[in-house]
Amino acid sequence: MTQRKRKLVGTLALLLMIAVYAVLAVAVAIVLQVRNVSTVAELVYYIVAGLLWVLPAGWLIAWMQRPDA
């Protein structure tokens, strides 16, 4: 696969991944009832959940940037 095609596929995958991740993060927060625990727990949860998507996104971006073989 050429780098150009990887960038297209990776961009579409990244958009889909972020949308699905956001829905899952909110669903987990609802199931765990984070809002009912405390404001600090809610803040910590959303900070962690808000940053956790960066790792797979970084791996995907690194894959997209690989030079052609």
N, C-alpha and C. Protein backbone atom coordinates (compact mmCIF):
# COMPACT_ATOMS: atom_id res chain seq x y z
N MET A 1 0.85 -1.17 0.00
CA MET A 1 0.00 0.00 0.00
C MET A 1 0.90 1.23 0.00
N THR A 2 0.57 2.18 -0.83
CA THR A 2 1.39 3.39 -0.90
C THR A 2 1.09 4.29 0.29
N GLN A 3 2.01 5.20 0.56
CA GLN A 3 1.84 6.11 1.68
C GLN A 3 0.58 6.97 1.48
N ARG A 4 0.32 7.35 0.27
CA ARG A 4 -0.86 8.17 -0.02
C ARG A 4 -2.15 7.42 0.35
N LYS A 5 -2.22 6.14 0.01
CA LYS A 5 -3.40 5.34 0.34
C LYS A 5 -3.48 5.10 1.85
N ARG A 6 -2.31 4.88 2.49
CA ARG A 6 -2.30 4.70 3.94
C ARG A 6 -2.83 5.95 4.64
N LYS A 7 -2.48 7.11 4.14
CA LYS A 7 -2.96 8.35 4.75
C LYS A 7 -4.47 8.49 4.61
N LEU A 8 -5.00 8.13 3.47
CA LEU A 8 -6.45 8.18 3.27
C LEU A 8 -7.15 7.20 4.21
N VAL A 9 -6.69 5.96 4.20
CA VAL A 9 -7.30 4.93 5.05
C VAL A 9 -7.12 5.30 6.52
N GLY A 10 -5.94 5.76 6.89
CA GLY A 10 -5.67 6.13 8.27
C GLY A 10 -6.51 7.30 8.74
N THR A 11 -6.70 8.29 7.89
CA THR A 11 -7.53 9.44 8.25
C THR A 11 -8.97 9.02 8.49
N LEU A 12 -9.50 8.22 7.60
CA LEU A 12 -10.88 7.73 7.78
C LEU A 12 -11.00 6.86 9.03
N ALA A 13 -10.00 6.00 9.25
CA ALA A 13 -10.01 5.14 10.44
C ALA A 13 -9.91 5.98 11.71
N LEU A 14 -9.10 7.01 11.67
CA LEU A 14 -8.93 7.88 12.84
C LEU A 14 -10.23 8.60 13.18
N LEU A 15 -10.91 9.12 12.18
CA LEU A 15 -12.19 9.78 12.41
C LEU A 15 -13.22 8.81 13.00
N LEU A 16 -13.28 7.62 12.45
CA LEU A 16 -14.20 6.61 12.96
C LEU A 16 -13.83 6.19 14.38
N MET A 17 -12.53 5.99 14.61
CA MET A 17 -12.06 5.57 15.93
C MET A 17 -12.41 6.61 17.00
N ILE A 18 -12.21 7.88 16.69
CA ILE A 18 -12.48 8.93 17.67
C ILE A 18 -13.98 9.01 17.97
N ALA A 19 -14.81 8.87 16.95
CA ALA A 19 -16.26 8.91 17.17
C ALA A 19 -16.71 7.74 18.03
N VAL A 20 -16.25 6.55 17.71
CA VAL A 20 -16.62 5.36 18.49
C VAL A 20 -16.07 5.46 19.91
N TYR A 21 -14.84 5.93 20.05
CA TYR A 21 -14.23 6.06 21.37
C TYR A 21 -15.01 7.05 22.23
N ALA A 22 -15.44 8.16 21.65
CA ALA A 22 -16.19 9.15 22.42
C ALA A 22 -17.50 8.56 22.94
N VAL A 23 -18.19 7.82 22.09
CA VAL A 23 -19.45 7.19 22.51
C VAL A 23 -19.18 6.16 23.61
N LEU A 24 -18.13 5.36 23.46
CA LEU A 24 -17.80 4.36 24.49
C LEU A 24 -17.39 5.02 25.80
N ALA A 25 -16.63 6.10 25.74
CA ALA A 25 -16.20 6.79 26.97
C ALA A 25 -17.41 7.33 27.73
N VAL A 26 -18.36 7.89 27.03
CA VAL A 26 -19.57 8.40 27.68
C VAL A 26 -20.41 7.24 28.21
N ALA A 27 -20.51 6.15 27.46
CA ALA A 27 -21.28 4.99 27.92
C ALA A 27 -20.68 4.40 29.19
N VAL A 28 -19.35 4.31 29.24
CA VAL A 28 -18.69 3.80 30.45
C VAL A 28 -18.94 4.74 31.62
N ALA A 29 -18.90 6.03 31.38
CA ALA A 29 -19.17 7.00 32.45
C ALA A 29 -20.60 6.85 32.97
N ILE A 30 -21.53 6.58 32.08
CA ILE A 30 -22.92 6.39 32.51
C ILE A 30 -23.07 5.11 33.31
N VAL A 31 -22.46 4.03 32.84
CA VAL A 31 -22.55 2.74 33.55
C VAL A 31 -21.90 2.84 34.93
N LEU A 32 -20.75 3.49 35.00
CA LEU A 32 -20.05 3.63 36.28
C LEU A 32 -20.66 4.72 37.15
N GLN A 33 -21.59 5.47 36.62
CA GLN A 33 -22.23 6.58 37.32
C GLN A 33 -21.20 7.54 37.91
N VAL A 34 -20.28 7.94 37.06
CA VAL A 34 -19.20 8.82 37.48
C VAL A 34 -19.74 10.14 38.00
N ARG A 35 -20.81 10.62 37.42
CA ARG A 35 -21.38 11.91 37.81
C ARG A 35 -21.88 11.89 39.25
N ASN A 36 -22.30 10.74 39.75
CA ASN A 36 -22.86 10.65 41.09
C ASN A 36 -21.81 10.43 42.17
N VAL A 37 -20.56 10.19 41.79
CA VAL A 37 -19.52 9.90 42.79
C VAL A 37 -19.04 11.21 43.41
N SER A 38 -18.32 11.99 42.65
CA SER A 38 -17.88 13.31 43.11
C SER A 38 -17.39 14.10 41.91
N THR A 39 -17.29 15.38 42.11
CA THR A 39 -16.82 16.25 41.03
C THR A 39 -15.38 15.93 40.66
N VAL A 40 -14.56 15.63 41.67
CA VAL A 40 -13.15 15.32 41.42
C VAL A 40 -13.03 14.01 40.64
N ALA A 41 -13.80 13.00 41.02
CA ALA A 41 -13.76 11.72 40.30
C ALA A 41 -14.22 11.90 38.86
N GLU A 42 -15.24 12.71 38.66
CA GLU A 42 -15.72 12.98 37.31
C GLU A 42 -14.65 13.69 36.49
N LEU A 43 -14.00 14.66 37.10
CA LEU A 43 -12.92 15.40 36.42
C LEU A 43 -11.77 14.47 36.04
N VAL A 44 -11.35 13.62 36.98
CA VAL A 44 -10.25 12.69 36.71
C VAL A 44 -10.64 11.71 35.61
N TYR A 45 -11.86 11.19 35.68
CA TYR A 45 -12.31 10.25 34.65
C TYR A 45 -12.25 10.88 33.27
N TYR A 46 -12.80 12.07 33.14
CA TYR A 46 -12.85 12.70 31.81
C TYR A 46 -11.47 13.16 31.33
N ILE A 47 -10.58 13.49 32.24
CA ILE A 47 -9.20 13.81 31.82
C ILE A 47 -8.53 12.56 31.27
N VAL A 48 -8.63 11.45 32.01
CA VAL A 48 -8.01 10.20 31.56
C VAL A 48 -8.66 9.72 30.27
N ALA A 49 -9.98 9.71 30.24
CA ALA A 49 -10.69 9.25 29.04
C ALA A 49 -10.42 10.18 27.86
N GLY A 50 -10.25 11.45 28.13
CA GLY A 50 -9.98 12.41 27.07
C GLY A 50 -8.60 12.29 26.47
N LEU A 51 -7.66 11.73 27.22
CA LEU A 51 -6.29 11.59 26.73
C LEU A 51 -5.96 10.18 26.27
N LEU A 52 -6.76 9.21 26.64
CA LEU A 52 -6.45 7.81 26.35
C LEU A 52 -6.48 7.48 24.86
N TRP A 53 -7.24 8.21 24.08
CA TRP A 53 -7.33 7.94 22.64
C TRP A 53 -6.05 8.32 21.92
N VAL A 54 -5.19 9.09 22.56
CA VAL A 54 -3.97 9.59 21.90
C VAL A 54 -3.01 8.45 21.56
N LEU A 55 -2.92 7.42 22.40
CA LEU A 55 -1.99 6.31 22.13
C LEU A 55 -2.33 5.56 20.84
N PRO A 56 -3.55 5.06 20.67
CA PRO A 56 -3.83 4.39 19.40
C PRO A 56 -3.78 5.34 18.21
N ALA A 57 -4.14 6.59 18.42
CA ALA A 57 -4.05 7.56 17.32
C ALA A 57 -2.60 7.77 16.91
N GLY A 58 -1.70 7.81 17.88
CA GLY A 58 -0.27 7.95 17.57
C GLY A 58 0.26 6.78 16.79
N TRP A 59 -0.16 5.58 17.17
CA TRP A 59 0.28 4.38 16.43
C TRP A 59 -0.25 4.41 15.00
N LEU A 60 -1.49 4.85 14.85
CA LEU A 60 -2.08 4.93 13.52
C LEU A 60 -1.37 5.98 12.67
N ILE A 61 -1.06 7.11 13.25
CA ILE A 61 -0.35 8.16 12.52
C ILE A 61 1.05 7.70 12.15
N ALA A 62 1.72 6.98 13.04
CA ALA A 62 3.05 6.45 12.72
C ALA A 62 2.95 5.47 11.54
N TRP A 63 1.91 4.64 11.52
CA TRP A 63 1.71 3.72 10.40
C TRP A 63 1.46 4.49 9.10
N MET A 64 0.70 5.57 9.19
CA MET A 64 0.41 6.37 8.01
C MET A 64 1.67 7.02 7.43
N GLN A 65 2.62 7.35 8.28
CA GLN A 65 3.83 8.07 7.86
C GLN A 65 4.94 7.15 7.36
N ARG A 66 4.75 5.84 7.50
CA ARG A 66 5.78 4.90 7.04
C ARG A 66 6.09 5.13 5.57
N PRO A 67 7.36 5.13 5.21
CA PRO A 67 7.70 5.31 3.79
C PRO A 67 7.29 4.08 2.98
N ASP A 68 7.11 4.29 1.70
CA ASP A 68 6.77 3.19 0.80
C ASP A 68 7.91 2.17 0.77
N ALA A 69 7.55 0.91 0.67
CA ALA A 69 8.56 -0.15 0.66
C ALA A 69 9.24 -0.26 -0.68
